[in-house]
Amino acid sequence: MRGARLGLAWAAGLALAGCGGGLVPPRSAGSVPVQSPRAAQPGQVSHGVLGADARALTRLFGEPRLDIRDPAARKLQFSDGRCILDAYLYVQQARKEPVVTYAEARRSDGTQMDWVACATQLRAR
């Protein structure tokens, strides 16, 4: 009986996964990519994104288009119609607010773009 419930839950999860359309980063098969923090490259300004918490991101870019919560992480997505910025927030210390440790961006047509360029564009609107 327990196996049947587990199988049913698994099947329902697969069915719901097909409804997400674009919620999962293109190169990831899971919900939120678990990756090591991506530091800004030399000469690259993070524009207040890396290390920011959800409140700081909302002050920078306005209300997120998506706010996806996972037990291990949180994904906030911001867009201006020309670019889409995905910011992944992870808890860095016990009982602390999650902060951005990884970000990626794409154009509205789905092609990858530099996330710093997208953040700059979003802040300019």
PDB file of N, CA and C in Angstrom:
ATOM      1  N   MET A   1       0.821  -1.192   0.000  1.00  0.00           N
ATOM      2  CA  MET A   1       0.000   0.000   0.000  1.00  0.00           C
ATOM      3  C   MET A   1       0.870   1.263   0.000  1.00  0.00           C
ATOM      4  N   ARG A   2       1.929   1.244   0.827  1.00  0.00           N
ATOM      5  CA  ARG A   2       2.819   2.399   0.875  1.00  0.00           C
ATOM      6  C   ARG A   2       3.504   2.603  -0.465  1.00  0.00           C
ATOM      7  N   GLY A   3       3.898   1.504  -1.115  1.00  0.00           N
ATOM      8  CA  GLY A   3       4.536   1.585  -2.423  1.00  0.00           C
ATOM      9  C   GLY A   3       3.611   2.184  -3.473  1.00  0.00           C
ATOM     10  N   ALA A   4       2.316   1.843  -3.388  1.00  0.00           N
ATOM     11  CA  ALA A   4       1.345   2.391  -4.334  1.00  0.00           C
ATOM     12  C   ALA A   4       1.196   3.897  -4.139  1.00  0.00           C
ATOM     13  N   ARG A   5       1.170   4.346  -2.879  1.00  0.00           N
ATOM     14  CA  ARG A   5       1.071   5.791  -2.613  1.00  0.00           C
ATOM     15  C   ARG A   5       2.304   6.522  -3.110  1.00  0.00           C
ATOM     16  N   LEU A   6       3.461   5.931  -2.871  1.00  0.00           N
ATOM     17  CA  LEU A   6       4.702   6.538  -3.331  1.00  0.00           C
ATOM     18  C   LEU A   6       4.722   6.636  -4.850  1.00  0.00           C
ATOM     19  N   GLY A   7       4.289   5.579  -5.518  1.00  0.00           N
ATOM     20  CA  GLY A   7       4.224   5.594  -6.978  1.00  0.00           C
ATOM     21  C   GLY A   7       3.258   6.643  -7.492  1.00  0.00           C
ATOM     22  N   LEU A   8       2.110   6.782  -6.817  1.00  0.00           N
ATOM     23  CA  LEU A   8       1.127   7.785  -7.204  1.00  0.00           C
ATOM     24  C   LEU A   8       1.683   9.189  -6.997  1.00  0.00           C
ATOM     25  N   ALA A   9       2.359   9.419  -5.871  1.00  0.00           N
ATOM     26  CA  ALA A   9       2.956  10.733  -5.605  1.00  0.00           C
ATOM     27  C   ALA A   9       4.027  11.054  -6.640  1.00  0.00           C
ATOM     28  N   TRP A  10       4.831  10.041  -6.994  1.00  0.00           N
ATOM     29  CA  TRP A  10       5.876  10.241  -7.987  1.00  0.00           C
ATOM     30  C   TRP A  10       5.271  10.590  -9.341  1.00  0.00           C
ATOM     31  N   ALA A  11       4.221   9.889  -9.740  1.00  0.00           N
ATOM     32  CA  ALA A  11       3.554  10.148 -11.019  1.00  0.00           C
ATOM     33  C   ALA A  11       2.933  11.541 -11.032  1.00  0.00           C
ATOM     34  N   ALA A  12       2.318  11.935  -9.908  1.00  0.00           N
ATOM     35  CA  ALA A  12       1.727  13.280  -9.828  1.00  0.00           C
ATOM     36  C   ALA A  12       2.822  14.336  -9.941  1.00  0.00           C
ATOM     37  N   GLY A  13       3.963  14.091  -9.312  1.00  0.00           N
ATOM     38  CA  GLY A  13       5.080  15.032  -9.400  1.00  0.00           C
ATOM     39  C   GLY A  13       5.570  15.192 -10.824  1.00  0.00           C
ATOM     40  N   LEU A  14       5.652  14.076 -11.553  1.00  0.00           N
ATOM     41  CA  LEU A  14       6.067  14.151 -12.957  1.00  0.00           C
ATOM     42  C   LEU A  14       5.061  14.929 -13.787  1.00  0.00           C
ATOM     43  N   ALA A  15       3.788  14.704 -13.526  1.00  0.00           N
ATOM     44  CA  ALA A  15       2.752  15.418 -14.276  1.00  0.00           C
ATOM     45  C   ALA A  15       2.828  16.910 -14.009  1.00  0.00           C
ATOM     46  N   LEU A  16       3.032  17.289 -12.748  1.00  0.00           N
ATOM     47  CA  LEU A  16       3.136  18.702 -12.403  1.00  0.00           C
ATOM     48  C   LEU A  16       4.410  19.321 -12.946  1.00  0.00           C
ATOM     49  N   ALA A  17       5.465  18.537 -13.037  1.00  0.00           N
ATOM     50  CA  ALA A  17       6.732  19.064 -13.550  1.00  0.00           C
ATOM     51  C   ALA A  17       6.573  19.574 -14.973  1.00  0.00           C
ATOM     52  N   GLY A  18       5.709  18.962 -15.744  1.00  0.00           N
ATOM     53  CA  GLY A  18       5.468  19.403 -17.117  1.00  0.00           C
ATOM     54  C   GLY A  18       4.742  20.721 -17.191  1.00  0.00           C
ATOM     55  N   CYS A  19       4.142  21.166 -16.082  1.00  0.00           N
ATOM     56  CA  CYS A  19       3.394  22.419 -16.068  1.00  0.00           C
ATOM     57  C   CYS A  19       4.283  23.623 -15.779  1.00  0.00           C
ATOM     58  N   GLY A  20       5.538  23.398 -15.409  1.00  0.00           N
ATOM     59  CA  GLY A  20       6.408  24.475 -14.962  1.00  0.00           C
ATOM     60  C   GLY A  20       6.893  25.377 -16.054  1.00  0.00           C
ATOM     61  N   GLY A  21       7.016  24.913 -17.268  1.00  0.00           N
ATOM     62  CA  GLY A  21       7.455  25.685 -18.418  1.00  0.00           C
ATOM     63  C   GLY A  21       8.356  26.866 -18.133  1.00  0.00           C
ATOM     64  N   GLY A  22       9.640  26.657 -18.082  1.00  0.00           N
ATOM     65  CA  GLY A  22      10.555  27.774 -17.913  1.00  0.00           C
ATOM     66  C   GLY A  22      10.927  28.052 -16.469  1.00  0.00           C
ATOM     67  N   LEU A  23      10.389  27.324 -15.518  1.00  0.00           N
ATOM     68  CA  LEU A  23      10.728  27.563 -14.133  1.00  0.00           C
ATOM     69  C   LEU A  23      12.081  26.973 -13.778  1.00  0.00           C
ATOM     70  N   VAL A  24      12.498  25.967 -14.512  1.00  0.00           N
ATOM     71  CA  VAL A  24      13.758  25.293 -14.245  1.00  0.00           C
ATOM     72  C   VAL A  24      14.808  25.861 -15.185  1.00  0.00           C
ATOM     73  N   PRO A  25      15.990  26.205 -14.665  1.00  0.00           N
ATOM     74  CA  PRO A  25      17.022  26.718 -15.554  1.00  0.00           C
ATOM     75  C   PRO A  25      17.276  25.726 -16.686  1.00  0.00           C
ATOM     76  N   PRO A  26      17.510  26.197 -17.907  1.00  0.00           N
ATOM     77  CA  PRO A  26      17.635  25.339 -19.072  1.00  0.00           C
ATOM     78  C   PRO A  26      18.651  24.223 -18.944  1.00  0.00           C
ATOM     79  N   ARG A  27      19.759  24.431 -18.255  1.00  0.00           N
ATOM     80  CA  ARG A  27      20.776  23.393 -18.194  1.00  0.00           C
ATOM     81  C   ARG A  27      20.626  22.488 -16.992  1.00  0.00           C
ATOM     82  N   SER A  28      19.559  22.641 -16.223  1.00  0.00           N
ATOM     83  CA  SER A  28      19.376  21.855 -15.015  1.00  0.00           C
ATOM     84  C   SER A  28      18.208  20.902 -15.157  1.00  0.00           C
ATOM     85  N   ALA A  29      18.384  19.676 -14.694  1.00  0.00           N
ATOM     86  CA  ALA A  29      17.293  18.715 -14.720  1.00  0.00           C
ATOM     87  C   ALA A  29      16.514  18.751 -13.418  1.00  0.00           C
ATOM     88  N   GLY A  30      17.038  19.414 -12.369  1.00  0.00           N
ATOM     89  CA  GLY A  30      16.384  19.484 -11.070  1.00  0.00           C
ATOM     90  C   GLY A  30      15.665  20.789 -10.895  1.00  0.00           C
ATOM     91  N   SER A  31      15.194  21.040  -9.693  1.00  0.00           N
ATOM     92  CA  SER A  31      14.431  22.256  -9.448  1.00  0.00           C
ATOM     93  C   SER A  31      15.330  23.485  -9.379  1.00  0.00           C
ATOM     94  N   VAL A  32      16.247  23.535  -8.434  1.00  0.00           N
ATOM     95  CA  VAL A  32      17.133  24.675  -8.282  1.00  0.00           C
ATOM     96  C   VAL A  32      18.557  24.157  -8.322  1.00  0.00           C
ATOM     97  N   PRO A  33      19.406  24.713  -9.175  1.00  0.00           N
ATOM     98  CA  PRO A  33      20.759  24.178  -9.284  1.00  0.00           C
ATOM     99  C   PRO A  33      21.527  24.351  -7.979  1.00  0.00           C
ATOM    100  N   VAL A  34      22.131  23.292  -7.527  1.00  0.00           N
ATOM    101  CA  VAL A  34      22.967  23.365  -6.343  1.00  0.00           C
ATOM    102  C   VAL A  34      24.393  23.476  -6.847  1.00  0.00           C
ATOM    103  N   GLN A  35      24.903  24.675  -6.801  1.00  0.00           N
ATOM    104  CA  GLN A  35      26.236  24.943  -7.314  1.00  0.00           C
ATOM    105  C   GLN A  35      27.001  25.760  -6.303  1.00  0.00           C
ATOM    106  N   SER A  36      28.290  25.740  -6.430  1.00  0.00           N
ATOM    107  CA  SER A  36      29.098  26.566  -5.545  1.00  0.00           C
ATOM    108  C   SER A  36      28.870  28.020  -5.903  1.00  0.00           C
ATOM    109  N   PRO A  37      29.069  28.916  -4.944  1.00  0.00           N
ATOM    110  CA  PRO A  37      28.857  30.332  -5.214  1.00  0.00           C
ATOM    111  C   PRO A  37      29.694  30.811  -6.399  1.00  0.00           C
ATOM    112  N   ARG A  38      29.115  31.672  -7.196  1.00  0.00           N
ATOM    113  CA  ARG A  38      29.828  32.227  -8.352  1.00  0.00           C
ATOM    114  C   ARG A  38      30.280  33.631  -7.992  1.00  0.00           C
ATOM    115  N   ALA A  39      31.528  33.800  -7.820  1.00  0.00           N
ATOM    116  CA  ALA A  39      32.073  35.115  -7.502  1.00  0.00           C
ATOM    117  C   ALA A  39      32.126  35.955  -8.764  1.00  0.00           C
ATOM    118  N   ALA A  40      32.034  37.257  -8.569  1.00  0.00           N
ATOM    119  CA  ALA A  40      32.174  38.157  -9.706  1.00  0.00           C
ATOM    120  C   ALA A  40      33.595  38.037 -10.243  1.00  0.00           C
ATOM    121  N   GLN A  41      33.728  38.108 -11.545  1.00  0.00           N
ATOM    122  CA  GLN A  41      35.038  38.038 -12.190  1.00  0.00           C
ATOM    123  C   GLN A  41      35.778  39.352 -11.941  1.00  0.00           C
ATOM    124  N   PRO A  42      37.109  39.342 -12.008  1.00  0.00           N
ATOM    125  CA  PRO A  42      37.865  40.584 -11.822  1.00  0.00           C
ATOM    126  C   PRO A  42      37.358  41.661 -12.784  1.00  0.00           C
ATOM    127  N   GLY A  43      37.132  42.837 -12.265  1.00  0.00           N
ATOM    128  CA  GLY A  43      36.641  43.937 -13.081  1.00  0.00           C
ATOM    129  C   GLY A  43      35.142  43.912 -13.288  1.00  0.00           C
ATOM    130  N   GLN A  44      34.482  42.875 -12.822  1.00  0.00           N
ATOM    131  CA  GLN A  44      33.032  42.737 -13.005  1.00  0.00           C
ATOM    132  C   GLN A  44      32.337  43.206 -11.732  1.00  0.00           C
ATOM    133  N   VAL A  45      31.358  44.059 -11.875  1.00  0.00           N
ATOM    134  CA  VAL A  45      30.617  44.569 -10.730  1.00  0.00           C
ATOM    135  C   VAL A  45      29.355  43.727 -10.578  1.00  0.00           C
ATOM    136  N   SER A  46      29.057  43.310  -9.347  1.00  0.00           N
ATOM    137  CA  SER A  46      27.894  42.444  -9.152  1.00  0.00           C
ATOM    138  C   SER A  46      26.601  43.244  -9.048  1.00  0.00           C
ATOM    139  N   HIS A  47      26.698  44.560  -9.035  1.00  0.00           N
ATOM    140  CA  HIS A  47      25.524  45.427  -8.983  1.00  0.00           C
ATOM    141  C   HIS A  47      24.604  45.108  -7.821  1.00  0.00           C
ATOM    142  N   GLY A  48      25.192  44.715  -6.711  1.00  0.00           N
ATOM    143  CA  GLY A  48      24.411  44.452  -5.519  1.00  0.00           C
ATOM    144  C   GLY A  48      23.657  43.141  -5.542  1.00  0.00           C
ATOM    145  N   VAL A  49      23.924  42.278  -6.507  1.00  0.00           N
ATOM    146  CA  VAL A  49      23.190  41.018  -6.635  1.00  0.00           C
ATOM    147  C   VAL A  49      23.818  39.943  -5.767  1.00  0.00           C
ATOM    148  N   LEU A  50      25.090  39.617  -5.994  1.00  0.00           N
ATOM    149  CA  LEU A  50      25.739  38.576  -5.205  1.00  0.00           C
ATOM    150  C   LEU A  50      25.804  39.008  -3.747  1.00  0.00           C
ATOM    151  N   GLY A  51      25.351  38.127  -2.860  1.00  0.00           N
ATOM    152  CA  GLY A  51      25.346  38.422  -1.432  1.00  0.00           C
ATOM    153  C   GLY A  51      24.096  39.131  -0.952  1.00  0.00           C
ATOM    154  N   ALA A  52      23.210  39.518  -1.869  1.00  0.00           N
ATOM    155  CA  ALA A  52      21.978  40.223  -1.489  1.00  0.00           C
ATOM    156  C   ALA A  52      20.916  39.236  -1.018  1.00  0.00           C
ATOM    157  N   ASP A  53      20.065  39.683  -0.086  1.00  0.00           N
ATOM    158  CA  ASP A  53      18.927  38.865   0.320  1.00  0.00           C
ATOM    159  C   ASP A  53      17.711  39.265  -0.529  1.00  0.00           C
ATOM    160  N   ALA A  54      16.593  38.612  -0.307  1.00  0.00           N
ATOM    161  CA  ALA A  54      15.395  38.844  -1.130  1.00  0.00           C
ATOM    162  C   ALA A  54      14.909  40.291  -1.030  1.00  0.00           C
ATOM    163  N   ARG A  55      14.963  40.868   0.156  1.00  0.00           N
ATOM    164  CA  ARG A  55      14.510  42.265   0.313  1.00  0.00           C
ATOM    165  C   ARG A  55      15.374  43.221  -0.498  1.00  0.00           C
ATOM    166  N   ALA A  56      16.681  43.003  -0.478  1.00  0.00           N
ATOM    167  CA  ALA A  56      17.586  43.877  -1.228  1.00  0.00           C
ATOM    168  C   ALA A  56      17.336  43.753  -2.732  1.00  0.00           C
ATOM    169  N   LEU A  57      17.096  42.536  -3.210  1.00  0.00           N
ATOM    170  CA  LEU A  57      16.804  42.345  -4.641  1.00  0.00           C
ATOM    171  C   LEU A  57      15.514  43.049  -5.031  1.00  0.00           C
ATOM    172  N   THR A  58      14.515  42.982  -4.167  1.00  0.00           N
ATOM    173  CA  THR A  58      13.238  43.646  -4.449  1.00  0.00           C
ATOM    174  C   THR A  58      13.421  45.160  -4.494  1.00  0.00           C
ATOM    175  N   ARG A  59      14.280  45.688  -3.631  1.00  0.00           N
ATOM    176  CA  ARG A  59      14.561  47.132  -3.688  1.00  0.00           C
ATOM    177  C   ARG A  59      15.265  47.495  -4.994  1.00  0.00           C
ATOM    178  N   LEU A  60      16.148  46.616  -5.478  1.00  0.00           N
ATOM    179  CA  LEU A  60      16.890  46.891  -6.712  1.00  0.00           C
ATOM    180  C   LEU A  60      16.022  46.791  -7.960  1.00  0.00           C
ATOM    181  N   PHE A  61      15.204  45.716  -8.039  1.00  0.00           N
ATOM    182  CA  PHE A  61      14.525  45.385  -9.290  1.00  0.00           C
ATOM    183  C   PHE A  61      13.001  45.421  -9.221  1.00  0.00           C
ATOM    184  N   GLY A  62      12.408  45.676  -8.073  1.00  0.00           N
ATOM    185  CA  GLY A  62      10.958  45.629  -7.933  1.00  0.00           C
ATOM    186  C   GLY A  62      10.508  44.222  -7.564  1.00  0.00           C
ATOM    187  N   GLU A  63       9.226  44.006  -7.603  1.00  0.00           N
ATOM    188  CA  GLU A  63       8.672  42.696  -7.250  1.00  0.00           C
ATOM    189  C   GLU A  63       9.129  41.640  -8.250  1.00  0.00           C
ATOM    190  N   PRO A  64       9.527  40.464  -7.747  1.00  0.00           N
ATOM    191  CA  PRO A  64       9.973  39.410  -8.669  1.00  0.00           C
ATOM    192  C   PRO A  64       8.815  38.861  -9.489  1.00  0.00           C
ATOM    193  N   ARG A  65       9.137  38.437 -10.680  1.00  0.00           N
ATOM    194  CA  ARG A  65       8.160  37.798 -11.564  1.00  0.00           C
ATOM    195  C   ARG A  65       7.817  36.411 -11.036  1.00  0.00           C
ATOM    196  N   LEU A  66       8.814  35.717 -10.493  1.00  0.00           N
ATOM    197  CA  LEU A  66       8.633  34.399  -9.877  1.00  0.00           C
ATOM    198  C   LEU A  66       9.370  34.371  -8.553  1.00  0.00           C
ATOM    199  N   ASP A  67       8.808  33.638  -7.605  1.00  0.00           N
ATOM    200  CA  ASP A  67       9.441  33.410  -6.309  1.00  0.00           C
ATOM    201  C   ASP A  67       9.227  31.938  -5.988  1.00  0.00           C
ATOM    202  N   ILE A  68      10.256  31.130  -6.250  1.00  0.00           N
ATOM    203  CA  ILE A  68      10.152  29.687  -6.077  1.00  0.00           C
ATOM    204  C   ILE A  68      10.957  29.285  -4.850  1.00  0.00           C
ATOM    205  N   ARG A  69      10.288  28.627  -3.923  1.00  0.00           N
ATOM    206  CA  ARG A  69      10.950  28.201  -2.682  1.00  0.00           C
ATOM    207  C   ARG A  69      11.124  26.693  -2.685  1.00  0.00           C
ATOM    208  N   ASP A  70      12.303  26.292  -2.299  1.00  0.00           N
ATOM    209  CA  ASP A  70      12.684  24.893  -2.227  1.00  0.00           C
ATOM    210  C   ASP A  70      13.269  24.713  -0.824  1.00  0.00           C
ATOM    211  N   PRO A  71      13.238  23.511  -0.267  1.00  0.00           N
ATOM    212  CA  PRO A  71      13.807  23.356   1.075  1.00  0.00           C
ATOM    213  C   PRO A  71      15.266  23.820   1.182  1.00  0.00           C
ATOM    214  N   ALA A  72      16.029  23.685   0.128  1.00  0.00           N
ATOM    215  CA  ALA A  72      17.450  24.038   0.188  1.00  0.00           C
ATOM    216  C   ALA A  72      17.758  25.413  -0.395  1.00  0.00           C
ATOM    217  N   ALA A  73      16.854  25.985  -1.158  1.00  0.00           N
ATOM    218  CA  ALA A  73      17.171  27.230  -1.860  1.00  0.00           C
ATOM    219  C   ALA A  73      15.904  27.994  -2.212  1.00  0.00           C
ATOM    220  N   ARG A  74      16.116  29.187  -2.744  1.00  0.00           N
ATOM    221  CA  ARG A  74      15.021  30.030  -3.224  1.00  0.00           C
ATOM    222  C   ARG A  74      15.474  30.658  -4.533  1.00  0.00           C
ATOM    223  N   LYS A  75      14.564  30.745  -5.485  1.00  0.00           N
ATOM    224  CA  LYS A  75      14.877  31.358  -6.777  1.00  0.00           C
ATOM    225  C   LYS A  75      13.939  32.552  -6.968  1.00  0.00           C
ATOM    226  N   LEU A  76      14.526  33.706  -7.242  1.00  0.00           N
ATOM    227  CA  LEU A  76      13.757  34.891  -7.595  1.00  0.00           C
ATOM    228  C   LEU A  76      14.068  35.223  -9.044  1.00  0.00           C
ATOM    229  N   GLN A  77      13.021  35.523  -9.807  1.00  0.00           N
ATOM    230  CA  GLN A  77      13.201  35.846 -11.222  1.00  0.00           C
ATOM    231  C   GLN A  77      12.660  37.244 -11.484  1.00  0.00           C
ATOM    232  N   PHE A  78      13.461  38.042 -12.170  1.00  0.00           N
ATOM    233  CA  PHE A  78      13.093  39.412 -12.531  1.00  0.00           C
ATOM    234  C   PHE A  78      13.186  39.547 -14.043  1.00  0.00           C
ATOM    235  N   SER A  79      12.295  40.359 -14.630  1.00  0.00           N
ATOM    236  CA  SER A  79      12.303  40.531 -16.082  1.00  0.00           C
ATOM    237  C   SER A  79      11.782  41.910 -16.444  1.00  0.00           C
ATOM    238  N   ASP A  80      12.286  42.423 -17.549  1.00  0.00           N
ATOM    239  CA  ASP A  80      11.774  43.680 -18.082  1.00  0.00           C
ATOM    240  C   ASP A  80      11.223  43.488 -19.498  1.00  0.00           C
ATOM    241  N   GLY A  81      11.058  42.240 -19.918  1.00  0.00           N
ATOM    242  CA  GLY A  81      10.575  41.952 -21.258  1.00  0.00           C
ATOM    243  C   GLY A  81      11.692  41.748 -22.265  1.00  0.00           C
ATOM    244  N   ARG A  82      12.888  42.264 -21.942  1.00  0.00           N
ATOM    245  CA  ARG A  82      14.040  42.083 -22.829  1.00  0.00           C
ATOM    246  C   ARG A  82      15.032  41.086 -22.265  1.00  0.00           C
ATOM    247  N   CYS A  83      15.149  41.029 -20.938  1.00  0.00           N
ATOM    248  CA  CYS A  83      16.034  40.048 -20.315  1.00  0.00           C
ATOM    249  C   CYS A  83      15.377  39.482 -19.064  1.00  0.00           C
ATOM    250  N   ILE A  84      15.824  38.296 -18.692  1.00  0.00           N
ATOM    251  CA  ILE A  84      15.295  37.585 -17.535  1.00  0.00           C
ATOM    252  C   ILE A  84      16.475  37.236 -16.641  1.00  0.00           C
ATOM    253  N   LEU A  85      16.415  37.661 -15.384  1.00  0.00           N
ATOM    254  CA  LEU A  85      17.482  37.398 -14.423  1.00  0.00           C
ATOM    255  C   LEU A  85      16.960  36.410 -13.381  1.00  0.00           C
ATOM    256  N   ASP A  86      17.678  35.312 -13.212  1.00  0.00           N
ATOM    257  CA  ASP A  86      17.374  34.325 -12.174  1.00  0.00           C
ATOM    258  C   ASP A  86      18.439  34.447 -11.096  1.00  0.00           C
ATOM    259  N   ALA A  87      18.000  34.711  -9.872  1.00  0.00           N
ATOM    260  CA  ALA A  87      18.916  34.813  -8.731  1.00  0.00           C
ATOM    261  C   ALA A  87      18.605  33.674  -7.772  1.00  0.00           C
ATOM    262  N   TYR A  88      19.625  32.907  -7.425  1.00  0.00           N
ATOM    263  CA  TYR A  88      19.464  31.748  -6.545  1.00  0.00           C
ATOM    264  C   TYR A  88      20.020  32.080  -5.177  1.00  0.00           C
ATOM    265  N   LEU A  89      19.169  31.959  -4.175  1.00  0.00           N
ATOM    266  CA  LEU A  89      19.531  32.310  -2.812  1.00  0.00           C
ATOM    267  C   LEU A  89      19.676  31.048  -1.969  1.00  0.00           C
ATOM    268  N   TYR A  90      20.778  30.981  -1.243  1.00  0.00           N
ATOM    269  CA  TYR A  90      21.070  29.847  -0.373  1.00  0.00           C
ATOM    270  C   TYR A  90      21.430  30.371   1.014  1.00  0.00           C
ATOM    271  N   VAL A  91      21.097  29.607   2.039  1.00  0.00           N
ATOM    272  CA  VAL A  91      21.493  29.958   3.399  1.00  0.00           C
ATOM    273  C   VAL A  91      22.993  29.706   3.512  1.00  0.00           C
ATOM    274  N   GLN A  92      23.718  30.695   3.974  1.00  0.00           N
ATOM    275  CA  GLN A  92      25.166  30.570   4.099  1.00  0.00           C
ATOM    276  C   GLN A  92      25.603  30.223   5.520  1.00  0.00           C
ATOM    277  N   GLN A  93      24.820  30.599   6.519  1.00  0.00           N
ATOM    278  CA  GLN A  93      25.122  30.295   7.911  1.00  0.00           C
ATOM    279  C   GLN A  93      23.836  29.859   8.587  1.00  0.00           C
ATOM    280  N   ALA A  94      23.970  29.060   9.619  1.00  0.00           N
ATOM    281  CA  ALA A  94      22.787  28.571  10.343  1.00  0.00           C
ATOM    282  C   ALA A  94      21.934  29.748  10.811  1.00  0.00           C
ATOM    283  N   ARG A  95      20.633  29.641  10.569  1.00  0.00           N
ATOM    284  CA  ARG A  95      19.619  30.625  10.982  1.00  0.00           C
ATOM    285  C   ARG A  95      19.863  32.029  10.436  1.00  0.00           C
ATOM    286  N   LYS A  96      20.404  32.117   9.260  1.00  0.00           N
ATOM    287  CA  LYS A  96      20.589  33.407   8.588  1.00  0.00           C
ATOM    288  C   LYS A  96      19.672  33.460   7.374  1.00  0.00           C
ATOM    289  N   GLU A  97      19.394  34.656   6.917  1.00  0.00           N
ATOM    290  CA  GLU A  97      18.589  34.866   5.720  1.00  0.00           C
ATOM    291  C   GLU A  97      19.346  34.364   4.491  1.00  0.00           C
ATOM    292  N   PRO A  98      18.683  33.651   3.563  1.00  0.00           N
ATOM    293  CA  PRO A  98      19.369  33.207   2.341  1.00  0.00           C
ATOM    294  C   PRO A  98      19.843  34.408   1.515  1.00  0.00           C
ATOM    295  N   VAL A  99      20.972  34.251   0.867  1.00  0.00           N
ATOM    296  CA  VAL A  99      21.538  35.303   0.021  1.00  0.00           C
ATOM    297  C   VAL A  99      21.887  34.730  -1.344  1.00  0.00           C
ATOM    298  N   VAL A 100      22.011  35.609  -2.328  1.00  0.00           N
ATOM    299  CA  VAL A 100      22.344  35.189  -3.692  1.00  0.00           C
ATOM    300  C   VAL A 100      23.786  34.708  -3.737  1.00  0.00           C
ATOM    301  N   THR A 101      23.945  33.470  -4.207  1.00  0.00           N
ATOM    302  CA  THR A 101      25.283  32.924  -4.416  1.00  0.00           C
ATOM    303  C   THR A 101      25.507  32.577  -5.882  1.00  0.00           C
ATOM    304  N   TYR A 102      24.431  32.623  -6.672  1.00  0.00           N
ATOM    305  CA  TYR A 102      24.533  32.265  -8.084  1.00  0.00           C
ATOM    306  C   TYR A 102      23.462  33.026  -8.842  1.00  0.00           C
ATOM    307  N   ALA A 103      23.807  33.508 -10.023  1.00  0.00           N
ATOM    308  CA  ALA A 103      22.845  34.215 -10.866  1.00  0.00           C
ATOM    309  C   ALA A 103      23.105  33.847 -12.321  1.00  0.00           C
ATOM    310  N   GLU A 104      22.044  33.863 -13.113  1.00  0.00           N
ATOM    311  CA  GLU A 104      22.174  33.648 -14.551  1.00  0.00           C
ATOM    312  C   GLU A 104      21.086  34.451 -15.251  1.00  0.00           C
ATOM    313  N   ALA A 105      21.294  34.694 -16.531  1.00  0.00           N
ATOM    314  CA  ALA A 105      20.340  35.513 -17.282  1.00  0.00           C
ATOM    315  C   ALA A 105      20.222  35.016 -18.708  1.00  0.00           C
ATOM    316  N   ARG A 106      19.119  35.407 -19.315  1.00  0.00           N
ATOM    317  CA  ARG A 106      18.874  35.087 -20.723  1.00  0.00           C
ATOM    318  C   ARG A 106      18.033  36.204 -21.320  1.00  0.00           C
ATOM    319  N   ARG A 107      18.101  36.307 -22.624  1.00  0.00           N
ATOM    320  CA  ARG A 107      17.244  37.254 -23.340  1.00  0.00           C
ATOM    321  C   ARG A 107      15.839  36.680 -23.415  1.00  0.00           C
ATOM    322  N   SER A 108      14.893  37.483 -23.799  1.00  0.00           N
ATOM    323  CA  SER A 108      13.502  37.014 -23.871  1.00  0.00           C
ATOM    324  C   SER A 108      13.325  35.900 -24.894  1.00  0.00           C
ATOM    325  N   ASP A 109      14.250  35.783 -25.864  1.00  0.00           N
ATOM    326  CA  ASP A 109      14.164  34.687 -26.839  1.00  0.00           C
ATOM    327  C   ASP A 109      14.812  33.404 -26.324  1.00  0.00           C
ATOM    328  N   GLY A 110      15.352  33.442 -25.099  1.00  0.00           N
ATOM    329  CA  GLY A 110      15.926  32.253 -24.482  1.00  0.00           C
ATOM    330  C   GLY A 110      17.436  32.120 -24.616  1.00  0.00           C
ATOM    331  N   THR A 111      18.078  32.967 -25.414  1.00  0.00           N
ATOM    332  CA  THR A 111      19.526  32.871 -25.551  1.00  0.00           C
ATOM    333  C   THR A 111      20.198  33.408 -24.288  1.00  0.00           C
ATOM    334  N   GLN A 112      21.271  32.750 -23.885  1.00  0.00           N
ATOM    335  CA  GLN A 112      21.992  33.142 -22.675  1.00  0.00           C
ATOM    336  C   GLN A 112      22.607  34.528 -22.850  1.00  0.00           C
ATOM    337  N   MET A 113      22.700  35.247 -21.738  1.00  0.00           N
ATOM    338  CA  MET A 113      23.381  36.534 -21.731  1.00  0.00           C
ATOM    339  C   MET A 113      24.076  36.703 -20.393  1.00  0.00           C
ATOM    340  N   ASP A 114      24.990  37.625 -20.310  1.00  0.00           N
ATOM    341  CA  ASP A 114      25.702  37.912 -19.083  1.00  0.00           C
ATOM    342  C   ASP A 114      24.725  38.441 -18.036  1.00  0.00           C
ATOM    343  N   TRP A 115      24.743  37.843 -16.846  1.00  0.00           N
ATOM    344  CA  TRP A 115      23.770  38.248 -15.827  1.00  0.00           C
ATOM    345  C   TRP A 115      24.026  39.662 -15.324  1.00  0.00           C
ATOM    346  N   VAL A 116      25.286  40.112 -15.338  1.00  0.00           N
ATOM    347  CA  VAL A 116      25.579  41.475 -14.892  1.00  0.00           C
ATOM    348  C   VAL A 116      24.973  42.476 -15.871  1.00  0.00           C
ATOM    349  N   ALA A 117      25.044  42.182 -17.163  1.00  0.00           N
ATOM    350  CA  ALA A 117      24.442  43.064 -18.170  1.00  0.00           C
ATOM    351  C   ALA A 117      22.924  43.126 -17.977  1.00  0.00           C
ATOM    352  N   CYS A 118      22.304  41.993 -17.686  1.00  0.00           N
ATOM    353  CA  CYS A 118      20.864  41.976 -17.451  1.00  0.00           C
ATOM    354  C   CYS A 118      20.515  42.765 -16.184  1.00  0.00           C
ATOM    355  N   ALA A 119      21.298  42.588 -15.117  1.00  0.00           N
ATOM    356  CA  ALA A 119      21.041  43.330 -13.875  1.00  0.00           C
ATOM    357  C   ALA A 119      21.148  44.833 -14.111  1.00  0.00           C
ATOM    358  N   THR A 120      22.137  45.235 -14.898  1.00  0.00           N
ATOM    359  CA  THR A 120      22.304  46.654 -15.240  1.00  0.00           C
ATOM    360  C   THR A 120      21.081  47.150 -16.006  1.00  0.00           C
ATOM    361  N   GLN A 121      20.617  46.374 -16.936  1.00  0.00           N
ATOM    362  CA  GLN A 121      19.435  46.719 -17.735  1.00  0.00           C
ATOM    363  C   GLN A 121      18.190  46.823 -16.856  1.00  0.00           C
ATOM    364  N   LEU A 122      18.025  45.890 -15.946  1.00  0.00           N
ATOM    365  CA  LEU A 122      16.857  45.908 -15.054  1.00  0.00           C
ATOM    366  C   LEU A 122      16.878  47.116 -14.123  1.00  0.00           C
ATOM    367  N   ARG A 123      18.042  47.482 -13.662  1.00  0.00           N
ATOM    368  CA  ARG A 123      18.140  48.641 -12.759  1.00  0.00           C
ATOM    369  C   ARG A 123      17.877  49.943 -13.496  1.00  0.00           C
ATOM    370  N   ALA A 124      18.132  49.987 -14.803  1.00  0.00           N
ATOM    371  CA  ALA A 124      17.976  51.213 -15.588  1.00  0.00           C
ATOM    372  C   ALA A 124      16.518  51.524 -15.919  1.00  0.00           C
ATOM    373  N   ARG A 125      15.639  50.553 -15.757  1.00  0.00           N
ATOM    374  CA  ARG A 125      14.245  50.799 -16.157  1.00  0.00           C
ATOM    375  C   ARG A 125      13.499  51.678 -15.202  1.00  0.00           C
TER     376      ARG A 125
END
